[in-house]
Amino acid sequence: IGEKFMKYKSLHTCIRVTNLEKSIEFYEKALGMEVTSKKDFPEDEFTLVYMTSDHNYEIELTYNYGKTDYTHGDFYGHMAFEVEDLKKSHEYHKSLGYEVDELGGLEGVATFYFMKDPDGFNIEIIGK
């Protein structure tokens, strides 16, 4: 079977977090996501938490015991989420005290803003 006949389904994006509870709270409050599963591996000293907002795609939060800092590489861009009311979403995220950029966009393409999660990952919110 050639690659043009193969179908791939996006499953999850893994990000490493330094404070699991704070990250879960952020993704619940900021993006309305819910925990779908939590798996702790004490013998290997890490915990995996899967979160989703639509059950078609998940974010995997990986917490490595005792790890308090990661260096972000310059190869990472961002995760993107779509929302019906961009202005309302923008005001909501600002009211929660998150690090939120001003509304911007690319003419004829999209209107959006960026915010950061507790570990500094960029998240793009795009108006529908």
Protein backbone atom coordinates (compact mmCIF):
# COMPACT_ATOMS: atom_id res chain seq x y z
CA ILE A 1 0.00 0.00 0.00
CA GLY A 2 1.44 3.34 -1.02
CA GLU A 3 1.33 6.36 1.27
CA LYS A 4 -1.39 8.02 -0.82
CA PHE A 5 -3.79 5.23 0.21
CA MET A 6 -2.99 5.41 3.91
CA LYS A 7 -5.23 7.47 6.18
CA TYR A 8 -3.94 9.03 9.35
CA LYS A 9 -6.00 10.37 12.21
CA SER A 10 -4.61 13.02 14.53
CA LEU A 11 -4.72 11.68 18.08
CA HIS A 12 -2.88 13.97 20.46
CA THR A 13 -0.13 16.50 21.03
CA CYS A 14 2.18 15.88 23.98
CA ILE A 15 3.52 18.77 26.04
CA ARG A 16 5.63 18.49 29.15
CA VAL A 17 4.38 20.46 32.13
CA THR A 18 6.00 21.49 35.40
CA ASN A 19 2.82 21.80 37.48
CA LEU A 20 0.18 19.25 36.52
CA GLU A 21 -2.68 20.69 38.57
CA LYS A 22 -2.06 24.24 37.32
CA SER A 23 -1.94 23.02 33.71
CA ILE A 24 -5.15 20.99 34.05
CA GLU A 25 -6.89 24.01 35.55
CA PHE A 26 -5.65 26.25 32.71
CA TYR A 27 -6.89 23.95 29.93
CA GLU A 28 -10.23 23.43 31.73
CA LYS A 29 -10.86 27.14 32.31
CA ALA A 30 -9.23 28.64 29.22
CA LEU A 31 -10.38 26.15 26.59
CA GLY A 32 -13.23 24.20 28.19
CA MET A 33 -11.29 20.96 27.98
CA GLU A 34 -11.94 17.99 30.25
CA VAL A 35 -9.71 15.21 31.51
CA THR A 36 -10.44 12.01 29.59
CA SER A 37 -7.86 9.86 31.36
CA LYS A 38 -5.05 10.08 33.88
CA LYS A 39 -2.34 7.46 34.15
CA ASP A 40 0.34 7.54 36.82
CA PHE A 41 3.57 5.58 36.44
CA PRO A 42 5.32 5.89 39.84
CA GLU A 43 7.98 3.30 38.98
CA ASP A 44 9.00 5.45 36.00
CA GLU A 45 8.28 8.75 37.80
CA PHE A 46 5.82 10.36 35.40
CA THR A 47 2.09 11.01 34.96
CA LEU A 48 0.09 11.33 31.74
CA VAL A 49 -3.15 13.31 31.57
CA TYR A 50 -5.23 13.40 28.40
CA MET A 51 -7.63 16.31 27.83
CA THR A 52 -10.10 17.15 25.07
CA SER A 53 -12.86 19.56 24.16
CA ASP A 54 -14.47 17.49 21.39
CA HIS A 55 -13.32 13.87 21.79
CA ASN A 56 -11.71 13.93 18.35
CA TYR A 57 -8.31 15.20 19.43
CA GLU A 58 -6.47 15.35 22.75
CA ILE A 59 -3.66 17.17 24.47
CA GLU A 60 -1.39 14.89 26.48
CA LEU A 61 0.06 16.63 29.51
CA THR A 62 3.20 14.82 30.63
CA TYR A 63 4.43 15.51 34.14
CA ASN A 64 7.86 14.11 35.04
CA TYR A 65 8.27 13.91 38.82
CA GLY A 66 10.50 16.64 40.19
CA LYS A 67 11.08 18.39 36.85
CA THR A 68 10.61 22.10 37.44
CA ASP A 69 12.01 23.62 34.26
CA TYR A 70 12.20 22.89 30.54
CA THR A 71 13.96 24.81 27.80
CA HIS A 72 11.63 25.65 24.95
CA GLY A 73 13.20 25.08 21.57
CA ASP A 74 12.84 27.53 18.73
CA PHE A 75 11.29 24.81 16.58
CA TYR A 76 7.95 24.83 18.42
CA GLY A 77 5.28 27.11 16.99
CA HIS A 78 1.90 26.84 18.67
CA MET A 79 -1.35 24.92 19.13
CA ALA A 80 -4.48 26.43 17.60
CA PHE A 81 -8.12 26.37 18.67
CA GLU A 82 -11.18 27.84 16.93
CA VAL A 83 -13.91 29.79 18.73
CA GLU A 84 -17.24 31.27 17.61
CA ASP A 85 -16.91 34.66 19.38
CA LEU A 86 -13.29 35.76 19.24
CA LYS A 87 -13.75 39.10 21.03
CA LYS A 88 -15.68 37.52 23.89
CA SER A 89 -13.05 34.79 24.20
CA HIS A 90 -10.27 37.40 24.20
CA GLU A 91 -11.92 39.37 27.01
CA TYR A 92 -12.55 36.17 28.98
CA HIS A 93 -8.91 35.07 28.80
CA LYS A 94 -7.70 38.56 29.76
CA SER A 95 -10.11 38.59 32.74
CA LEU A 96 -8.57 35.33 34.00
CA GLY A 97 -5.17 37.05 34.10
CA TYR A 98 -3.55 34.94 31.38
CA GLU A 99 -0.75 36.33 29.23
CA VAL A 100 -2.80 37.36 26.18
CA ASP A 101 -1.73 39.27 23.05
CA GLU A 102 -3.93 41.84 21.38
CA LEU A 103 -6.34 40.78 18.66
CA GLY A 104 -4.61 40.58 15.30
CA GLY A 105 -4.82 38.73 12.07
CA LEU A 106 -3.80 38.14 8.51
CA GLU A 107 -5.94 40.07 6.07
CA GLY A 108 -8.24 37.77 4.17
CA VAL A 109 -7.05 34.73 6.12
CA ALA A 110 -7.94 34.83 9.81
CA THR A 111 -8.44 36.96 12.91
CA PHE A 112 -6.76 35.63 16.03
CA TYR A 113 -4.77 36.21 19.19
CA PHE A 114 -2.16 34.27 21.11
CA MET A 115 -1.91 33.44 24.79
CA LYS A 116 0.48 31.37 26.85
CA ASP A 117 -0.26 28.38 29.06
CA PRO A 118 1.37 28.06 32.52
CA ASP A 119 4.54 26.57 30.98
CA GLY A 120 4.86 29.23 28.29
CA PHE A 121 3.45 27.26 25.35
CA ASN A 122 1.88 29.50 22.71
CA ILE A 123 -1.80 28.92 22.01
CA GLU A 124 -3.52 30.58 19.06
CA ILE A 125 -7.23 31.33 19.31
CA ILE A 126 -8.80 31.82 15.87
CA GLY A 127 -12.21 33.32 15.18
CA LYS A 128 -14.58 31.11 13.22
